[in-house]
Amino acid sequence: MSTSRQAPVIIITGTPGTGKTTHAELLAQEAPVPLKHINVGEMVKERGLYESFDEEWQSYTVDEDKLLDELEPLASEGGIILDWHTCDIFPERWADLVVVLRCNHTMLWDRLEKRGYSLKKIQENNEAEIMDVVIEEARSSYAPEIVVELQSEGTEDLESNVARIVQWIEAWKKDHDITDS
């Protein structure tokens, strides 16, 4: 991506229920640079960036071309947090940091039950977490030095993780000669 960006592009990903949106919202508030939180799943629904709705899985089949066309100008500008359960769709050139949130599978199961997910959907997502699907996807799609795996099992983890990402942003600013206005 362009080196003239004034703020990074951060991807926060993980199995559904790992705390992506909560992390992204808190990070947007605490970041030392302006960051816009984009909940990609919500954007897909709101802007019709899908091909169909899968009744069995209760989820949208995303039109990846439409989604990427919608996100490209935002990513080029920088200053965004992309919050989604997958990351390999996003071009490598977009990402400055990829955060993969992890959660103990029994805790994840409870979180997904509370959301009212079907048993089939809970089982699939729990299996994905156990089998390291999202972290492997991130590792195979991006340079290893920008992929970070963080535990997300409670408020303490949330606060610690966001503080760690804020420190990373401070280092990013120094590396890119970004000064506070």
C-alpha atoms as a PDB file:
ATOM      1  CA  MET A   1       0.000   0.000   0.000  1.00  0.00           C
ATOM      2  CA  SER A   2       0.939   3.594  -0.269  1.00  0.00           C
ATOM      3  CA  THR A   3       3.559   4.774   2.183  1.00  0.00           C
ATOM      4  CA  SER A   4       1.792   8.144   2.366  1.00  0.00           C
ATOM      5  CA  ARG A   5      -0.991   6.792   4.572  1.00  0.00           C
ATOM      6  CA  GLN A   6      -1.353   8.588   7.876  1.00  0.00           C
ATOM      7  CA  ALA A   7      -2.756   5.559   9.699  1.00  0.00           C
ATOM      8  CA  PRO A   8      -2.452   1.776   9.300  1.00  0.00           C
ATOM      9  CA  VAL A   9      -4.864  -0.874   8.068  1.00  0.00           C
ATOM     10  CA  ILE A  10      -5.448  -3.408  10.823  1.00  0.00           C
ATOM     11  CA  ILE A  11      -7.313  -6.653  10.231  1.00  0.00           C
ATOM     12  CA  ILE A  12      -8.901  -8.194  13.318  1.00  0.00           C
ATOM     13  CA  THR A  13     -10.026 -11.723  12.556  1.00  0.00           C
ATOM     14  CA  GLY A  14     -10.959 -14.920  14.340  1.00  0.00           C
ATOM     15  CA  THR A  15     -13.656 -17.527  14.622  1.00  0.00           C
ATOM     16  CA  PRO A  16     -17.120 -16.049  15.338  1.00  0.00           C
ATOM     17  CA  GLY A  17     -17.419 -15.382  19.071  1.00  0.00           C
ATOM     18  CA  THR A  18     -13.752 -14.585  19.743  1.00  0.00           C
ATOM     19  CA  GLY A  19     -14.378 -10.879  20.389  1.00  0.00           C
ATOM     20  CA  LYS A  20     -13.436  -9.211  17.091  1.00  0.00           C
ATOM     21  CA  THR A  21     -16.062  -6.469  17.205  1.00  0.00           C
ATOM     22  CA  THR A  22     -15.488  -5.707  20.888  1.00  0.00           C
ATOM     23  CA  HIS A  23     -11.732  -5.421  20.276  1.00  0.00           C
ATOM     24  CA  ALA A  24     -12.212  -3.277  17.146  1.00  0.00           C
ATOM     25  CA  GLU A  25     -14.622  -0.883  18.890  1.00  0.00           C
ATOM     26  CA  LEU A  26     -12.304  -0.383  21.871  1.00  0.00           C
ATOM     27  CA  LEU A  27      -9.261  -0.010  19.623  1.00  0.00           C
ATOM     28  CA  ALA A  28     -11.036   2.652  17.529  1.00  0.00           C
ATOM     29  CA  GLN A  29     -11.627   4.607  20.774  1.00  0.00           C
ATOM     30  CA  GLU A  30      -8.122   4.219  22.195  1.00  0.00           C
ATOM     31  CA  ALA A  31      -5.930   4.362  19.100  1.00  0.00           C
ATOM     32  CA  PRO A  32      -3.368   7.191  18.893  1.00  0.00           C
ATOM     33  CA  VAL A  33      -4.450   7.807  15.264  1.00  0.00           C
ATOM     34  CA  PRO A  34      -7.971   8.047  13.848  1.00  0.00           C
ATOM     35  CA  LEU A  35      -9.175   4.541  12.962  1.00  0.00           C
ATOM     36  CA  LYS A  36     -12.557   3.688  11.478  1.00  0.00           C
ATOM     37  CA  HIS A  37     -14.005   0.346  12.552  1.00  0.00           C
ATOM     38  CA  ILE A  38     -15.536  -1.548   9.627  1.00  0.00           C
ATOM     39  CA  ASN A  39     -17.595  -4.578  10.593  1.00  0.00           C
ATOM     40  CA  VAL A  40     -17.293  -6.347   7.241  1.00  0.00           C
ATOM     41  CA  GLY A  41     -20.193  -8.731   7.883  1.00  0.00           C
ATOM     42  CA  GLU A  42     -22.523  -5.804   8.594  1.00  0.00           C
ATOM     43  CA  MET A  43     -21.228  -3.938   5.528  1.00  0.00           C
ATOM     44  CA  VAL A  44     -21.982  -6.988   3.360  1.00  0.00           C
ATOM     45  CA  LYS A  45     -25.588  -7.056   4.621  1.00  0.00           C
ATOM     46  CA  GLU A  46     -26.223  -3.294   4.586  1.00  0.00           C
ATOM     47  CA  ARG A  47     -24.766  -2.670   1.116  1.00  0.00           C
ATOM     48  CA  GLY A  48     -25.988  -5.838  -0.582  1.00  0.00           C
ATOM     49  CA  LEU A  49     -22.474  -7.163  -1.226  1.00  0.00           C
ATOM     50  CA  TYR A  50     -23.659 -10.768  -1.420  1.00  0.00           C
ATOM     51  CA  GLU A  51     -24.839 -13.234  -4.018  1.00  0.00           C
ATOM     52  CA  SER A  52     -27.404 -15.076  -1.904  1.00  0.00           C
ATOM     53  CA  PHE A  53     -28.472 -16.059   1.600  1.00  0.00           C
ATOM     54  CA  ASP A  54     -27.808 -19.628   2.718  1.00  0.00           C
ATOM     55  CA  GLU A  55     -30.848 -20.693   4.766  1.00  0.00           C
ATOM     56  CA  GLU A  56     -29.165 -23.822   6.117  1.00  0.00           C
ATOM     57  CA  TRP A  57     -26.175 -21.917   7.535  1.00  0.00           C
ATOM     58  CA  GLN A  58     -28.094 -18.665   8.148  1.00  0.00           C
ATOM     59  CA  SER A  59     -25.355 -16.671   6.429  1.00  0.00           C
ATOM     60  CA  TYR A  60     -24.692 -14.660   3.288  1.00  0.00           C
ATOM     61  CA  THR A  61     -22.647 -15.877   0.329  1.00  0.00           C
ATOM     62  CA  VAL A  62     -20.410 -12.847  -0.150  1.00  0.00           C
ATOM     63  CA  ASP A  63     -19.758 -11.341  -3.574  1.00  0.00           C
ATOM     64  CA  GLU A  64     -16.007 -10.988  -3.032  1.00  0.00           C
ATOM     65  CA  ASP A  65     -15.465  -8.729  -6.063  1.00  0.00           C
ATOM     66  CA  LYS A  66     -18.136  -6.260  -4.916  1.00  0.00           C
ATOM     67  CA  LEU A  67     -16.786  -6.327  -1.364  1.00  0.00           C
ATOM     68  CA  LEU A  68     -13.189  -5.693  -2.419  1.00  0.00           C
ATOM     69  CA  ASP A  69     -14.289  -2.907  -4.795  1.00  0.00           C
ATOM     70  CA  GLU A  70     -16.126  -1.272  -1.890  1.00  0.00           C
ATOM     71  CA  LEU A  71     -13.166  -1.585   0.491  1.00  0.00           C
ATOM     72  CA  GLU A  72     -10.308  -0.696  -1.904  1.00  0.00           C
ATOM     73  CA  PRO A  73     -10.539   3.120  -1.575  1.00  0.00           C
ATOM     74  CA  LEU A  74     -10.811   2.854   2.212  1.00  0.00           C
ATOM     75  CA  ALA A  75      -7.810   0.531   2.443  1.00  0.00           C
ATOM     76  CA  SER A  76      -5.792   2.786   0.132  1.00  0.00           C
ATOM     77  CA  GLU A  77      -6.446   5.712   2.458  1.00  0.00           C
ATOM     78  CA  GLY A  78      -5.596   3.732   5.590  1.00  0.00           C
ATOM     79  CA  GLY A  79      -6.925   4.351   9.065  1.00  0.00           C
ATOM     80  CA  ILE A  80      -9.292   1.387   9.138  1.00  0.00           C
ATOM     81  CA  ILE A  81      -9.878  -1.699  11.236  1.00  0.00           C
ATOM     82  CA  LEU A  82     -11.346  -4.549   9.188  1.00  0.00           C
ATOM     83  CA  ASP A  83     -13.331  -6.818  11.516  1.00  0.00           C
ATOM     84  CA  TRP A  84     -14.286 -10.151   9.918  1.00  0.00           C
ATOM     85  CA  HIS A  85     -14.189 -13.904  10.560  1.00  0.00           C
ATOM     86  CA  THR A  86     -11.865 -14.475   7.617  1.00  0.00           C
ATOM     87  CA  CYS A  87      -8.881 -12.576   6.290  1.00  0.00           C
ATOM     88  CA  ASP A  88      -7.468 -14.283   3.209  1.00  0.00           C
ATOM     89  CA  ILE A  89      -9.827 -12.353   0.926  1.00  0.00           C
ATOM     90  CA  PHE A  90      -7.995  -9.092   1.707  1.00  0.00           C
ATOM     91  CA  PRO A  91      -4.966  -8.363  -0.519  1.00  0.00           C
ATOM     92  CA  GLU A  92      -1.641  -8.674   1.256  1.00  0.00           C
ATOM     93  CA  ARG A  93      -0.749  -5.098   0.247  1.00  0.00           C
ATOM     94  CA  TRP A  94      -3.620  -3.738   2.354  1.00  0.00           C
ATOM     95  CA  ALA A  95      -2.575  -5.129   5.717  1.00  0.00           C
ATOM     96  CA  ASP A  96      -0.143  -3.517   8.128  1.00  0.00           C
ATOM     97  CA  LEU A  97      -1.185  -5.776  11.024  1.00  0.00           C
ATOM     98  CA  VAL A  98      -3.315  -8.933  11.170  1.00  0.00           C
ATOM     99  CA  VAL A  99      -4.616  -9.794  14.634  1.00  0.00           C
ATOM    100  CA  VAL A 100      -6.052 -13.286  15.042  1.00  0.00           C
ATOM    101  CA  LEU A 101      -8.145 -13.639  18.187  1.00  0.00           C
ATOM    102  CA  ARG A 102      -8.310 -17.056  19.843  1.00  0.00           C
ATOM    103  CA  CYS A 103     -10.598 -18.472  22.500  1.00  0.00           C
ATOM    104  CA  ASN A 104     -10.861 -21.710  24.461  1.00  0.00           C
ATOM    105  CA  HIS A 105     -13.345 -23.867  22.557  1.00  0.00           C
ATOM    106  CA  THR A 106     -15.661 -24.534  25.515  1.00  0.00           C
ATOM    107  CA  MET A 107     -15.888 -20.799  26.202  1.00  0.00           C
ATOM    108  CA  LEU A 108     -16.467 -20.216  22.487  1.00  0.00           C
ATOM    109  CA  TRP A 109     -19.268 -22.804  22.467  1.00  0.00           C
ATOM    110  CA  ASP A 110     -21.007 -20.952  25.324  1.00  0.00           C
ATOM    111  CA  ARG A 111     -20.658 -17.594  23.557  1.00  0.00           C
ATOM    112  CA  LEU A 112     -22.154 -18.945  20.329  1.00  0.00           C
ATOM    113  CA  GLU A 113     -25.020 -20.631  22.212  1.00  0.00           C
ATOM    114  CA  LYS A 114     -25.836 -17.273  23.834  1.00  0.00           C
ATOM    115  CA  ARG A 115     -26.015 -15.749  20.329  1.00  0.00           C
ATOM    116  CA  GLY A 116     -28.633 -18.321  19.397  1.00  0.00           C
ATOM    117  CA  TYR A 117     -26.526 -20.065  16.747  1.00  0.00           C
ATOM    118  CA  SER A 118     -27.807 -23.430  15.510  1.00  0.00           C
ATOM    119  CA  LEU A 119     -26.053 -26.529  16.836  1.00  0.00           C
ATOM    120  CA  LYS A 120     -24.581 -27.177  13.373  1.00  0.00           C
ATOM    121  CA  LYS A 121     -23.158 -23.643  13.178  1.00  0.00           C
ATOM    122  CA  ILE A 122     -21.754 -23.864  16.733  1.00  0.00           C
ATOM    123  CA  GLN A 123     -20.100 -27.204  15.927  1.00  0.00           C
ATOM    124  CA  GLU A 124     -18.584 -25.905  12.675  1.00  0.00           C
ATOM    125  CA  ASN A 125     -17.180 -22.763  14.312  1.00  0.00           C
ATOM    126  CA  ASN A 126     -15.900 -24.674  17.332  1.00  0.00           C
ATOM    127  CA  GLU A 127     -14.175 -27.174  15.060  1.00  0.00           C
ATOM    128  CA  ALA A 128     -12.611 -24.292  13.085  1.00  0.00           C
ATOM    129  CA  GLU A 129     -11.203 -22.880  16.325  1.00  0.00           C
ATOM    130  CA  ILE A 130      -9.833 -26.240  17.471  1.00  0.00           C
ATOM    131  CA  MET A 131      -8.276 -26.918  14.048  1.00  0.00           C
ATOM    132  CA  ASP A 132      -6.560 -23.488  13.887  1.00  0.00           C
ATOM    133  CA  VAL A 133      -8.365 -22.594  10.642  1.00  0.00           C
ATOM    134  CA  VAL A 134      -8.185 -18.789  10.954  1.00  0.00           C
ATOM    135  CA  ILE A 135      -4.593 -18.565  12.231  1.00  0.00           C
ATOM    136  CA  GLU A 136      -3.421 -20.908   9.464  1.00  0.00           C
ATOM    137  CA  GLU A 137      -5.307 -18.815   6.908  1.00  0.00           C
ATOM    138  CA  ALA A 138      -3.602 -15.666   8.217  1.00  0.00           C
ATOM    139  CA  ARG A 139      -0.159 -17.272   8.260  1.00  0.00           C
ATOM    140  CA  SER A 140      -0.533 -18.508   4.682  1.00  0.00           C
ATOM    141  CA  SER A 141      -1.841 -15.140   3.406  1.00  0.00           C
ATOM    142  CA  TYR A 142       0.436 -12.550   5.051  1.00  0.00           C
ATOM    143  CA  ALA A 143       4.059 -12.018   6.008  1.00  0.00           C
ATOM    144  CA  PRO A 144       4.744 -13.717   9.355  1.00  0.00           C
ATOM    145  CA  GLU A 145       5.978 -10.505  10.979  1.00  0.00           C
ATOM    146  CA  ILE A 146       2.555  -8.835  10.641  1.00  0.00           C
ATOM    147  CA  VAL A 147       0.447 -11.739  11.965  1.00  0.00           C
ATOM    148  CA  VAL A 148      -0.199 -11.723  15.720  1.00  0.00           C
ATOM    149  CA  GLU A 149      -2.182 -14.339  17.639  1.00  0.00           C
ATOM    150  CA  LEU A 150      -3.880 -13.103  20.837  1.00  0.00           C
ATOM    151  CA  GLN A 151      -6.030 -14.867  23.439  1.00  0.00           C
ATOM    152  CA  SER A 152      -9.497 -13.359  23.916  1.00  0.00           C
ATOM    153  CA  GLU A 153     -11.229 -14.904  26.887  1.00  0.00           C
ATOM    154  CA  GLY A 154     -12.248 -11.982  29.069  1.00  0.00           C
ATOM    155  CA  THR A 155     -11.991  -8.293  29.920  1.00  0.00           C
ATOM    156  CA  GLU A 156      -8.377  -8.595  31.058  1.00  0.00           C
ATOM    157  CA  ASP A 157      -7.379 -10.065  27.671  1.00  0.00           C
ATOM    158  CA  LEU A 158      -9.386  -7.391  25.848  1.00  0.00           C
ATOM    159  CA  GLU A 159      -7.669  -4.528  27.664  1.00  0.00           C
ATOM    160  CA  SER A 160      -4.217  -6.098  27.364  1.00  0.00           C
ATOM    161  CA  ASN A 161      -4.686  -6.853  23.656  1.00  0.00           C
ATOM    162  CA  VAL A 162      -5.884  -3.350  22.824  1.00  0.00           C
ATOM    163  CA  ALA A 163      -2.993  -1.829  24.802  1.00  0.00           C
ATOM    164  CA  ARG A 164      -0.586  -4.027  22.859  1.00  0.00           C
ATOM    165  CA  ILE A 165      -2.087  -2.952  19.509  1.00  0.00           C
ATOM    166  CA  VAL A 166      -1.924   0.707  20.589  1.00  0.00           C
ATOM    167  CA  GLN A 167       1.814   0.215  21.286  1.00  0.00           C
ATOM    168  CA  TRP A 168       2.181  -1.334  17.847  1.00  0.00           C
ATOM    169  CA  ILE A 169       0.442   1.721  16.283  1.00  0.00           C
ATOM    170  CA  GLU A 170       2.856   4.031  18.119  1.00  0.00           C
ATOM    171  CA  ALA A 171       5.779   2.085  16.617  1.00  0.00           C
ATOM    172  CA  TRP A 172       4.100   2.171  13.187  1.00  0.00           C
ATOM    173  CA  LYS A 173       3.800   5.960  13.459  1.00  0.00           C
ATOM    174  CA  LYS A 174       7.528   6.282  14.258  1.00  0.00           C
ATOM    175  CA  ASP A 175       8.479   3.932  11.410  1.00  0.00           C
ATOM    176  CA  HIS A 176       6.386   6.004   8.984  1.00  0.00           C
ATOM    177  CA  ASP A 177       7.453   9.428  10.332  1.00  0.00           C
ATOM    178  CA  ILE A 178       3.897  10.285  11.375  1.00  0.00           C
ATOM    179  CA  THR A 179       3.836  13.070  13.936  1.00  0.00           C
ATOM    180  CA  ASP A 180       0.943  14.114  16.126  1.00  0.00           C
ATOM    181  CA  SER A 181      -0.895  17.100  14.703  1.00  0.00           C
END
